[in-house]
Amino acid sequence: MRVALPGVQVLFAFLLILPFSQGFETVTDLQKGVYALALACAAIASLLLIGPSAYHRHRWRQLDQETMHEKEEMLVAQSRFVIGGLMLIALAVTGVVFLIFDVLFSTLAAGLASCAMIAAYAWFWYGLPLSRRRGGGPDSVVRSDAGRIR
């Protein structure tokens, strides 16, 4: 979160000023569509990554009085916000990579670079962590009967 949130905010700021720069009027319809999708992904990612802070702020006084089950539900919801935000960051960055490769090289090169980016994000941000968790490797969590992590 300490890296993802500022990163998506910088990307969002970059995307906000892009249409006002010289040369943007020459982009193709495909590039405009990819730009709009990347901008939307960055905006929604920002919303989702800030969401857990707002959620916690609204409920922090109740936390001492809630049961462990209710706290776990809150943590699961916040975790889903972050996972969704990370997915959208991956899509936004991939969109920007597509735009840059399309302008500099060709649509084919942009498509190949984008596919490589999506594959890398899918593996490093989701595939690898999930495979380690399911495989019982050193990254997996072992819970005692009391629910505490050992």
Protein backbone atom coordinates (compact mmCIF):
# COMPACT_ATOMS: atom_id res chain seq x y z
CA MET A 1 0.00 0.00 0.00
CA ARG A 2 2.83 2.41 0.77
CA VAL A 3 4.09 2.03 -2.78
CA ALA A 4 0.86 1.34 -4.67
CA LEU A 5 -1.14 4.37 -3.53
CA PRO A 6 1.45 7.07 -4.34
CA GLY A 7 2.29 5.23 -7.56
CA VAL A 8 -1.29 5.24 -8.82
CA GLN A 9 -1.69 8.88 -7.80
CA VAL A 10 1.37 9.90 -9.84
CA LEU A 11 0.14 7.84 -12.81
CA PHE A 12 -3.32 9.40 -12.51
CA ALA A 13 -1.81 12.91 -12.43
CA PHE A 14 0.27 12.13 -15.53
CA LEU A 15 -2.81 10.86 -17.34
CA LEU A 16 -4.82 13.93 -16.34
CA ILE A 17 -2.36 16.35 -17.96
CA LEU A 18 -1.63 14.28 -21.07
CA PRO A 19 -4.54 15.58 -23.20
CA PHE A 20 -3.35 19.15 -22.65
CA SER A 21 0.13 18.49 -24.05
CA GLN A 22 1.19 19.25 -27.60
CA GLY A 23 0.76 16.36 -29.96
CA PHE A 24 -2.18 14.76 -28.18
CA GLU A 25 -4.53 15.96 -30.92
CA THR A 26 -2.75 13.63 -33.36
CA VAL A 27 -3.54 10.41 -31.51
CA THR A 28 -5.67 7.79 -33.22
CA ASP A 29 -9.10 6.66 -32.09
CA LEU A 30 -7.55 3.45 -30.76
CA GLN A 31 -5.05 5.44 -28.71
CA LYS A 32 -7.83 7.69 -27.37
CA GLY A 33 -9.79 4.63 -26.32
CA VAL A 34 -6.80 3.06 -24.57
CA TYR A 35 -6.05 6.40 -22.91
CA ALA A 36 -9.63 6.72 -21.61
CA LEU A 37 -9.53 3.15 -20.28
CA ALA A 38 -6.17 3.72 -18.57
CA LEU A 39 -7.44 6.94 -17.01
CA ALA A 40 -10.60 5.23 -15.72
CA CYS A 41 -8.57 2.32 -14.32
CA ALA A 42 -6.20 4.69 -12.52
CA ALA A 43 -9.10 6.70 -11.07
CA ILE A 44 -10.94 3.62 -9.80
CA ALA A 45 -7.69 2.10 -8.50
CA SER A 46 -7.10 5.27 -6.49
CA LEU A 47 -10.63 5.03 -5.10
CA LEU A 48 -10.16 1.39 -4.09
CA LEU A 49 -6.73 1.91 -2.54
CA ILE A 50 -7.93 4.87 -0.46
CA GLY A 51 -11.13 2.98 0.46
CA PRO A 52 -9.65 0.90 3.31
CA SER A 53 -8.49 4.08 5.08
CA ALA A 54 -11.94 5.64 4.84
CA TYR A 55 -13.59 2.39 5.92
CA HIS A 56 -11.33 2.10 8.95
CA ARG A 57 -11.72 5.79 9.86
CA HIS A 58 -15.51 5.46 9.95
CA ARG A 59 -15.42 2.32 12.09
CA TRP A 60 -12.36 2.76 14.35
CA ARG A 61 -14.32 3.64 17.50
CA GLN A 62 -16.40 0.50 17.15
CA LEU A 63 -13.45 -1.87 16.76
CA ASP A 64 -12.93 -2.47 20.48
CA GLN A 65 -16.56 -3.42 20.90
CA GLU A 66 -16.91 -5.68 17.89
CA THR A 67 -16.45 -9.42 17.85
CA MET A 68 -13.49 -11.06 16.18
CA HIS A 69 -15.82 -12.23 13.39
CA GLU A 70 -16.88 -8.65 12.58
CA LYS A 71 -13.25 -7.49 12.56
CA GLU A 72 -12.34 -10.33 10.21
CA GLU A 73 -15.17 -9.31 7.86
CA MET A 74 -13.84 -5.75 7.81
CA LEU A 75 -10.31 -6.95 7.03
CA VAL A 76 -11.58 -9.19 4.23
CA ALA A 77 -13.49 -6.26 2.68
CA GLN A 78 -10.43 -4.02 2.92
CA SER A 79 -8.26 -6.72 1.40
CA ARG A 80 -10.65 -7.02 -1.53
CA PHE A 81 -10.44 -3.25 -2.07
CA VAL A 82 -6.65 -3.47 -2.28
CA ILE A 83 -6.63 -6.51 -4.58
CA GLY A 84 -9.09 -4.78 -6.91
CA GLY A 85 -7.03 -1.60 -6.81
CA LEU A 86 -3.88 -3.51 -7.72
CA MET A 87 -5.64 -5.16 -10.66
CA LEU A 88 -6.68 -1.77 -11.94
CA ILE A 89 -3.17 -0.35 -11.50
CA ALA A 90 -1.89 -3.22 -13.63
CA LEU A 91 -4.44 -2.40 -16.34
CA ALA A 92 -3.68 1.34 -16.19
CA VAL A 93 0.08 0.83 -16.47
CA THR A 94 -0.43 -1.67 -19.28
CA GLY A 95 -2.57 0.90 -21.09
CA VAL A 96 0.17 3.51 -20.77
CA VAL A 97 2.76 1.01 -22.05
CA PHE A 98 0.47 0.29 -25.00
CA LEU A 99 0.18 4.01 -25.80
CA ILE A 100 3.91 4.61 -25.65
CA PHE A 101 4.81 1.55 -27.74
CA ASP A 102 2.07 2.39 -30.27
CA VAL A 103 3.39 5.95 -30.70
CA LEU A 104 7.05 4.95 -30.81
CA PHE A 105 6.89 1.68 -32.77
CA SER A 106 3.69 0.08 -34.01
CA THR A 107 0.37 -1.33 -32.86
CA LEU A 108 1.82 -4.84 -33.10
CA ALA A 109 4.73 -3.92 -30.81
CA ALA A 110 2.25 -2.23 -28.45
CA GLY A 111 0.10 -5.35 -28.35
CA LEU A 112 3.08 -7.60 -27.65
CA ALA A 113 4.43 -5.31 -24.92
CA SER A 114 0.98 -5.10 -23.35
CA CYS A 115 0.56 -8.87 -23.35
CA ALA A 116 3.97 -9.24 -21.73
CA MET A 117 3.02 -6.67 -19.07
CA ILE A 118 -0.27 -8.38 -18.25
CA ALA A 119 1.47 -11.75 -18.02
CA ALA A 120 4.14 -10.33 -15.71
CA TYR A 121 1.57 -8.63 -13.45
CA ALA A 122 -0.58 -11.76 -13.37
CA TRP A 123 2.36 -13.91 -12.34
CA PHE A 124 4.23 -11.69 -9.88
CA TRP A 125 1.23 -10.03 -8.23
CA TYR A 126 -1.21 -12.97 -8.23
CA GLY A 127 0.11 -16.28 -9.55
CA LEU A 128 3.27 -16.51 -7.47
CA PRO A 129 1.72 -15.46 -4.14
CA LEU A 130 -1.29 -17.74 -4.64
CA SER A 131 0.87 -20.69 -5.68
CA ARG A 132 3.03 -20.28 -2.57
CA ARG A 133 -0.05 -20.11 -0.35
CA ARG A 134 -1.65 -23.21 -1.83
CA GLY A 135 1.60 -25.14 -2.04
CA GLY A 136 2.35 -24.95 1.66
CA GLY A 137 5.70 -23.28 1.06
CA PRO A 138 7.41 -20.90 3.48
CA ASP A 139 5.00 -18.10 2.52
CA SER A 140 1.91 -20.07 3.51
CA VAL A 141 0.09 -19.23 6.72
CA VAL A 142 -0.44 -21.83 9.39
CA ARG A 143 -3.16 -21.06 11.92
CA SER A 144 -3.44 -22.62 15.33
CA ASP A 145 -6.79 -23.70 16.75
CA ALA A 146 -7.18 -20.27 18.35
CA GLY A 147 -6.90 -18.63 14.90
CA ARG A 148 -3.52 -17.03 15.59
CA ILE A 149 -0.84 -17.12 12.93
CA ARG A 150 2.13 -19.27 13.83
